[in-house]
Amino acid sequence: MTKRQRIIYLAAAWCLSYPDEELIGRLPLMRAALAEFPGAVQDFDDVLTHLESEPLTAVQASYVQEFDLGRRHALHLSYWTDGDTRRRGEVLGNFKKAYRQSEILVDTRGELPDYLPMVLEYAAVVDLAAGRDLLTRYRASLEMLRFGLLRDSLPHARILQAICATLPGKSPADEQAVMRMAGYGPPTEAVGLDPYDPRLLPVKEA
């Protein structure tokens, strides 16, 4: 089970990161590793096929469109729970604290410490227990992201499903159940951008 979780987390970290030549070079490795676990490779197959079959410039443009230009598929875990509020700074500090407690220096590469691919890679190669704890703590964020990807028919939704399947308990049936589970309410004390309100999720961004 431990090996399966590490492989799922690392493959998910790579598949949810900005695609570059290094990622394309890793595709055979990912397929070989995931093939050890038939259910896992099925969850990743559509994304891997997309990366294998399309020109790199096309998959990069698609990634930017879906993950960088809007907040519907935000990959920063605390965004879903805290939006752009003052308390988010404390939350980000907790992620940094978790990384500092490991014996290996974690390179954030200029990203905020709650960036999902970074958390997944941390769990896969640095500290499985601590990384899994972070994912469990932000299970609601993972589920909301999964629903957002499902709504827009993006194959990455199955990767989020695979991640959530490694965590305790079943996935909620709908977004309202996620919000009840997490005790969501619109964040307050907004600074800068408008606070995130999960009730706005169904609205398609321009």
C-alpha atoms as a PDB file:
ATOM      1  CA  MET A   1       0.000   0.000   0.000  1.00  0.00           C
ATOM      2  CA  THR A   2       2.826   2.390   0.852  1.00  0.00           C
ATOM      3  CA  LYS A   3       4.492   1.887  -2.538  1.00  0.00           C
ATOM      4  CA  ARG A   4       1.168   2.357  -4.318  1.00  0.00           C
ATOM      5  CA  GLN A   5       0.510   5.626  -2.503  1.00  0.00           C
ATOM      6  CA  ARG A   6       3.971   6.972  -3.264  1.00  0.00           C
ATOM      7  CA  ILE A   7       3.609   6.149  -6.969  1.00  0.00           C
ATOM      8  CA  ILE A   8       0.135   7.697  -7.180  1.00  0.00           C
ATOM      9  CA  TYR A   9       1.276  10.859  -5.393  1.00  0.00           C
ATOM     10  CA  LEU A  10       4.384  11.319  -7.514  1.00  0.00           C
ATOM     11  CA  ALA A  11       2.609  10.604 -10.805  1.00  0.00           C
ATOM     12  CA  ALA A  12      -0.182  12.988  -9.764  1.00  0.00           C
ATOM     13  CA  ALA A  13       2.363  15.677  -8.842  1.00  0.00           C
ATOM     14  CA  TRP A  14       3.920  15.439 -12.287  1.00  0.00           C
ATOM     15  CA  CYS A  15       0.624  15.279 -14.186  1.00  0.00           C
ATOM     16  CA  LEU A  16      -0.739  18.339 -12.359  1.00  0.00           C
ATOM     17  CA  SER A  17       2.415  20.399 -12.972  1.00  0.00           C
ATOM     18  CA  TYR A  18       3.108  22.630 -15.943  1.00  0.00           C
ATOM     19  CA  PRO A  19       4.089  20.296 -18.804  1.00  0.00           C
ATOM     20  CA  ASP A  20       7.610  20.642 -20.164  1.00  0.00           C
ATOM     21  CA  GLU A  21      10.103  18.438 -21.963  1.00  0.00           C
ATOM     22  CA  GLU A  22      11.242  16.895 -18.698  1.00  0.00           C
ATOM     23  CA  LEU A  23       7.681  15.795 -17.954  1.00  0.00           C
ATOM     24  CA  ILE A  24       7.251  14.323 -21.428  1.00  0.00           C
ATOM     25  CA  GLY A  25      10.447  12.346 -20.888  1.00  0.00           C
ATOM     26  CA  ARG A  26       8.983  10.896 -17.686  1.00  0.00           C
ATOM     27  CA  LEU A  27       5.844   9.511 -19.339  1.00  0.00           C
ATOM     28  CA  PRO A  28       7.230   5.988 -19.991  1.00  0.00           C
ATOM     29  CA  LEU A  29       8.442   5.837 -16.380  1.00  0.00           C
ATOM     30  CA  MET A  30       5.008   6.838 -15.100  1.00  0.00           C
ATOM     31  CA  ARG A  31       3.244   4.266 -17.239  1.00  0.00           C
ATOM     32  CA  ALA A  32       5.614   1.521 -16.122  1.00  0.00           C
ATOM     33  CA  ALA A  33       5.240   2.384 -12.437  1.00  0.00           C
ATOM     34  CA  LEU A  34       1.455   2.780 -12.560  1.00  0.00           C
ATOM     35  CA  ALA A  35       1.115  -0.475 -14.510  1.00  0.00           C
ATOM     36  CA  GLU A  36       1.912  -2.324 -11.294  1.00  0.00           C
ATOM     37  CA  PHE A  37      -1.494  -1.197 -10.052  1.00  0.00           C
ATOM     38  CA  PRO A  38      -4.151  -1.659 -12.808  1.00  0.00           C
ATOM     39  CA  GLY A  39      -6.758   0.548 -11.151  1.00  0.00           C
ATOM     40  CA  ALA A  40      -4.271   3.379 -10.811  1.00  0.00           C
ATOM     41  CA  VAL A  41      -3.113   3.360 -14.413  1.00  0.00           C
ATOM     42  CA  GLN A  42      -6.728   3.663 -15.568  1.00  0.00           C
ATOM     43  CA  ASP A  43      -7.172   6.833 -13.518  1.00  0.00           C
ATOM     44  CA  PHE A  44      -4.132   8.396 -15.183  1.00  0.00           C
ATOM     45  CA  ASP A  45      -4.534   7.035 -18.700  1.00  0.00           C
ATOM     46  CA  ASP A  46      -6.465   9.908 -20.294  1.00  0.00           C
ATOM     47  CA  VAL A  47      -4.042  12.544 -19.052  1.00  0.00           C
ATOM     48  CA  LEU A  48      -1.009  10.478 -20.035  1.00  0.00           C
ATOM     49  CA  THR A  49      -2.460   9.851 -23.495  1.00  0.00           C
ATOM     50  CA  HIS A  50      -3.102  13.571 -23.923  1.00  0.00           C
ATOM     51  CA  LEU A  51       0.493  14.341 -22.988  1.00  0.00           C
ATOM     52  CA  GLU A  52       1.804  11.625 -25.305  1.00  0.00           C
ATOM     53  CA  SER A  53      -0.296  12.402 -28.344  1.00  0.00           C
ATOM     54  CA  GLU A  54      -0.427  16.216 -28.521  1.00  0.00           C
ATOM     55  CA  PRO A  55       2.391  18.658 -29.386  1.00  0.00           C
ATOM     56  CA  LEU A  56       4.060  20.096 -26.306  1.00  0.00           C
ATOM     57  CA  THR A  57       2.970  23.631 -27.180  1.00  0.00           C
ATOM     58  CA  ALA A  58      -0.636  22.465 -27.353  1.00  0.00           C
ATOM     59  CA  VAL A  59      -0.603  20.740 -23.965  1.00  0.00           C
ATOM     60  CA  GLN A  60       1.139  23.751 -22.437  1.00  0.00           C
ATOM     61  CA  ALA A  61      -1.506  26.103 -23.819  1.00  0.00           C
ATOM     62  CA  SER A  62      -4.252  23.824 -22.504  1.00  0.00           C
ATOM     63  CA  TYR A  63      -2.659  23.681 -19.059  1.00  0.00           C
ATOM     64  CA  VAL A  64      -2.360  27.461 -18.846  1.00  0.00           C
ATOM     65  CA  GLN A  65      -5.978  27.862 -19.917  1.00  0.00           C
ATOM     66  CA  GLU A  66      -7.325  25.416 -17.349  1.00  0.00           C
ATOM     67  CA  PHE A  67      -5.034  25.932 -14.355  1.00  0.00           C
ATOM     68  CA  ASP A  68      -3.354  29.332 -14.608  1.00  0.00           C
ATOM     69  CA  LEU A  69      -5.829  31.799 -16.095  1.00  0.00           C
ATOM     70  CA  GLY A  70      -8.701  31.292 -13.657  1.00  0.00           C
ATOM     71  CA  ARG A  71      -9.512  30.016 -10.195  1.00  0.00           C
ATOM     72  CA  ARG A  72     -12.002  27.302 -11.136  1.00  0.00           C
ATOM     73  CA  HIS A  73      -9.231  24.703 -10.940  1.00  0.00           C
ATOM     74  CA  ALA A  74      -6.963  26.341  -8.371  1.00  0.00           C
ATOM     75  CA  LEU A  75      -4.111  24.034  -7.343  1.00  0.00           C
ATOM     76  CA  HIS A  76      -3.385  25.857  -4.087  1.00  0.00           C
ATOM     77  CA  LEU A  77      -5.118  23.919  -1.329  1.00  0.00           C
ATOM     78  CA  SER A  78      -5.740  26.773   1.101  1.00  0.00           C
ATOM     79  CA  TYR A  79      -7.382  28.873  -1.602  1.00  0.00           C
ATOM     80  CA  TRP A  80     -10.457  26.641  -1.429  1.00  0.00           C
ATOM     81  CA  THR A  81     -10.806  26.980   2.341  1.00  0.00           C
ATOM     82  CA  ASP A  82      -9.451  30.443   3.051  1.00  0.00           C
ATOM     83  CA  GLY A  83      -9.649  32.344  -0.213  1.00  0.00           C
ATOM     84  CA  ASP A  84      -7.631  35.544  -0.270  1.00  0.00           C
ATOM     85  CA  THR A  85      -7.983  36.347   3.419  1.00  0.00           C
ATOM     86  CA  ARG A  86      -5.548  37.371   6.126  1.00  0.00           C
ATOM     87  CA  ARG A  87      -5.783  34.038   7.858  1.00  0.00           C
ATOM     88  CA  ARG A  88      -4.418  32.340   4.761  1.00  0.00           C
ATOM     89  CA  GLY A  89      -0.961  33.602   5.692  1.00  0.00           C
ATOM     90  CA  GLU A  90      -1.060  31.577   8.888  1.00  0.00           C
ATOM     91  CA  VAL A  91      -2.196  28.537   6.942  1.00  0.00           C
ATOM     92  CA  LEU A  92       0.670  28.872   4.471  1.00  0.00           C
ATOM     93  CA  GLY A  93       3.022  29.182   7.427  1.00  0.00           C
ATOM     94  CA  ASN A  94       1.774  25.814   8.690  1.00  0.00           C
ATOM     95  CA  PHE A  95       2.679  24.198   5.367  1.00  0.00           C
ATOM     96  CA  LYS A  96       6.185  25.676   5.610  1.00  0.00           C
ATOM     97  CA  LYS A  97       6.477  24.414   9.177  1.00  0.00           C
ATOM     98  CA  ALA A  98       5.593  20.901   8.054  1.00  0.00           C
ATOM     99  CA  TYR A  99       8.276  21.023   5.379  1.00  0.00           C
ATOM    100  CA  ARG A 100      10.894  22.367   7.814  1.00  0.00           C
ATOM    101  CA  GLN A 101      10.274  19.454  10.170  1.00  0.00           C
ATOM    102  CA  SER A 102      11.559  17.017   7.561  1.00  0.00           C
ATOM    103  CA  GLU A 103      15.255  16.267   7.340  1.00  0.00           C
ATOM    104  CA  ILE A 104      15.338  17.123   3.633  1.00  0.00           C
ATOM    105  CA  LEU A 105      15.318  20.705   2.357  1.00  0.00           C
ATOM    106  CA  VAL A 106      12.132  21.291   0.352  1.00  0.00           C
ATOM    107  CA  ASP A 107      12.592  23.578  -2.649  1.00  0.00           C
ATOM    108  CA  THR A 108       9.338  25.483  -3.194  1.00  0.00           C
ATOM    109  CA  ARG A 109      10.598  26.689  -6.604  1.00  0.00           C
ATOM    110  CA  GLY A 110       8.879  30.016  -6.145  1.00  0.00           C
ATOM    111  CA  GLU A 111       5.467  28.435  -5.508  1.00  0.00           C
ATOM    112  CA  LEU A 112       3.296  28.928  -2.455  1.00  0.00           C
ATOM    113  CA  PRO A 113       3.830  25.982  -0.074  1.00  0.00           C
ATOM    114  CA  ASP A 114       0.255  24.716  -0.443  1.00  0.00           C
ATOM    115  CA  TYR A 115       0.678  24.108  -4.196  1.00  0.00           C
ATOM    116  CA  LEU A 116      -0.836  20.665  -4.698  1.00  0.00           C
ATOM    117  CA  PRO A 117       1.902  19.169  -6.931  1.00  0.00           C
ATOM    118  CA  MET A 118       4.470  20.218  -4.302  1.00  0.00           C
ATOM    119  CA  VAL A 119       2.490  18.655  -1.443  1.00  0.00           C
ATOM    120  CA  LEU A 120       2.115  15.450  -3.459  1.00  0.00           C
ATOM    121  CA  GLU A 121       5.815  15.293  -4.299  1.00  0.00           C
ATOM    122  CA  TYR A 122       6.659  15.941  -0.654  1.00  0.00           C
ATOM    123  CA  ALA A 123       4.447  13.011   0.362  1.00  0.00           C
ATOM    124  CA  ALA A 124       5.917  10.759  -2.324  1.00  0.00           C
ATOM    125  CA  VAL A 125       9.636  11.331  -1.838  1.00  0.00           C
ATOM    126  CA  VAL A 126      10.220  13.093   1.499  1.00  0.00           C
ATOM    127  CA  ASP A 127       7.719  12.172   4.222  1.00  0.00           C
ATOM    128  CA  LEU A 128       4.723  10.041   3.323  1.00  0.00           C
ATOM    129  CA  ALA A 129       3.062  10.316   6.721  1.00  0.00           C
ATOM    130  CA  ALA A 130       3.409  14.103   7.007  1.00  0.00           C
ATOM    131  CA  GLY A 131       2.419  14.676   3.374  1.00  0.00           C
ATOM    132  CA  ARG A 132      -0.583  12.421   3.696  1.00  0.00           C
ATOM    133  CA  ASP A 133      -1.584  14.309   6.836  1.00  0.00           C
ATOM    134  CA  LEU A 134      -1.580  17.579   4.867  1.00  0.00           C
ATOM    135  CA  LEU A 135      -3.688  15.994   2.126  1.00  0.00           C
ATOM    136  CA  THR A 136      -6.115  14.600   4.688  1.00  0.00           C
ATOM    137  CA  ARG A 137      -6.363  17.960   6.432  1.00  0.00           C
ATOM    138  CA  TYR A 138      -7.255  19.576   3.117  1.00  0.00           C
ATOM    139  CA  ARG A 139      -9.435  16.749   1.841  1.00  0.00           C
ATOM    140  CA  ALA A 140     -12.283  19.205   1.261  1.00  0.00           C
ATOM    141  CA  SER A 141     -10.051  21.277  -1.035  1.00  0.00           C
ATOM    142  CA  LEU A 142      -9.153  18.172  -3.026  1.00  0.00           C
ATOM    143  CA  GLU A 143     -12.813  17.256  -3.362  1.00  0.00           C
ATOM    144  CA  MET A 144     -13.865  20.735  -4.471  1.00  0.00           C
ATOM    145  CA  LEU A 145     -11.103  20.731  -7.073  1.00  0.00           C
ATOM    146  CA  ARG A 146     -12.244  17.293  -8.204  1.00  0.00           C
ATOM    147  CA  PHE A 147     -15.807  18.525  -8.685  1.00  0.00           C
ATOM    148  CA  GLY A 148     -14.584  21.552 -10.610  1.00  0.00           C
ATOM    149  CA  LEU A 149     -12.589  19.349 -12.963  1.00  0.00           C
ATOM    150  CA  LEU A 150     -15.535  16.999 -13.379  1.00  0.00           C
ATOM    151  CA  ARG A 151     -17.861  19.864 -14.223  1.00  0.00           C
ATOM    152  CA  ASP A 152     -15.554  20.974 -17.000  1.00  0.00           C
ATOM    153  CA  SER A 153     -15.009  17.401 -18.237  1.00  0.00           C
ATOM    154  CA  LEU A 154     -11.261  17.454 -17.611  1.00  0.00           C
ATOM    155  CA  PRO A 155      -9.531  14.066 -17.307  1.00  0.00           C
ATOM    156  CA  HIS A 156      -7.503  15.303 -14.337  1.00  0.00           C
ATOM    157  CA  ALA A 157     -10.635  14.694 -12.247  1.00  0.00           C
ATOM    158  CA  ARG A 158      -9.804  10.986 -12.168  1.00  0.00           C
ATOM    159  CA  ILE A 159      -6.338  11.780 -10.849  1.00  0.00           C
ATOM    160  CA  LEU A 160      -7.933  13.737  -8.001  1.00  0.00           C
ATOM    161  CA  GLN A 161     -10.209  10.756  -7.473  1.00  0.00           C
ATOM    162  CA  ALA A 162      -7.166   8.494  -7.197  1.00  0.00           C
ATOM    163  CA  ILE A 163      -5.581  10.834  -4.646  1.00  0.00           C
ATOM    164  CA  CYS A 164      -8.739  11.004  -2.546  1.00  0.00           C
ATOM    165  CA  ALA A 165      -9.056   7.208  -2.644  1.00  0.00           C
ATOM    166  CA  THR A 166      -5.778   6.961  -0.687  1.00  0.00           C
ATOM    167  CA  LEU A 167      -7.246   9.016   2.171  1.00  0.00           C
ATOM    168  CA  PRO A 168      -9.589   7.905   4.969  1.00  0.00           C
ATOM    169  CA  GLY A 169     -13.320   7.818   4.275  1.00  0.00           C
ATOM    170  CA  LYS A 170     -15.420   8.034   1.148  1.00  0.00           C
ATOM    171  CA  SER A 171     -15.639  11.046  -1.130  1.00  0.00           C
ATOM    172  CA  PRO A 172     -18.735  13.226  -0.620  1.00  0.00           C
ATOM    173  CA  ALA A 173     -21.514  12.810  -3.163  1.00  0.00           C
ATOM    174  CA  ASP A 174     -21.706  16.486  -4.154  1.00  0.00           C
ATOM    175  CA  GLU A 175     -20.256  19.932  -3.492  1.00  0.00           C
ATOM    176  CA  GLN A 176     -22.864  20.771  -0.874  1.00  0.00           C
ATOM    177  CA  ALA A 177     -21.798  17.676   1.070  1.00  0.00           C
ATOM    178  CA  VAL A 178     -18.171  18.813   0.873  1.00  0.00           C
ATOM    179  CA  MET A 179     -19.095  22.236   2.243  1.00  0.00           C
ATOM    180  CA  ARG A 180     -21.102  20.685   5.075  1.00  0.00           C
ATOM    181  CA  MET A 181     -18.213  18.351   5.869  1.00  0.00           C
ATOM    182  CA  ALA A 182     -15.740  21.226   6.000  1.00  0.00           C
ATOM    183  CA  GLY A 183     -18.032  23.767   7.659  1.00  0.00           C
ATOM    184  CA  TYR A 184     -17.525  26.146   4.739  1.00  0.00           C
ATOM    185  CA  GLY A 185     -18.664  29.713   4.761  1.00  0.00           C
ATOM    186  CA  PRO A 186     -17.382  32.594   2.636  1.00  0.00           C
ATOM    187  CA  PRO A 187     -14.004  33.714   4.042  1.00  0.00           C
ATOM    188  CA  THR A 188     -13.965  37.160   5.659  1.00  0.00           C
ATOM    189  CA  GLU A 189     -11.322  39.861   6.088  1.00  0.00           C
ATOM    190  CA  ALA A 190     -10.500  39.811   2.394  1.00  0.00           C
ATOM    191  CA  VAL A 191      -7.386  41.579   1.229  1.00  0.00           C
ATOM    192  CA  GLY A 192      -6.609  42.044  -2.432  1.00  0.00           C
ATOM    193  CA  LEU A 193      -8.723  39.677  -4.500  1.00  0.00           C
ATOM    194  CA  ASP A 194     -12.317  38.886  -3.630  1.00  0.00           C
ATOM    195  CA  PRO A 195     -12.717  36.077  -1.096  1.00  0.00           C
ATOM    196  CA  TYR A 196     -13.587  32.688  -2.479  1.00  0.00           C
ATOM    197  CA  ASP A 197     -17.215  31.717  -2.203  1.00  0.00           C
ATOM    198  CA  PRO A 198     -17.887  28.054  -3.108  1.00  0.00           C
ATOM    199  CA  ARG A 199     -21.448  28.968  -4.088  1.00  0.00           C
ATOM    200  CA  LEU A 200     -20.008  30.719  -7.146  1.00  0.00           C
ATOM    201  CA  LEU A 201     -18.404  27.562  -8.528  1.00  0.00           C
ATOM    202  CA  PRO A 202     -21.080  26.784 -11.145  1.00  0.00           C
ATOM    203  CA  VAL A 203     -20.528  30.163 -12.803  1.00  0.00           C
ATOM    204  CA  LYS A 204     -18.291  29.754 -15.865  1.00  0.00           C
ATOM    205  CA  GLU A 205     -15.424  32.224 -16.057  1.00  0.00           C
ATOM    206  CA  ALA A 206     -14.894  34.192 -19.219  1.00  0.00           C
END
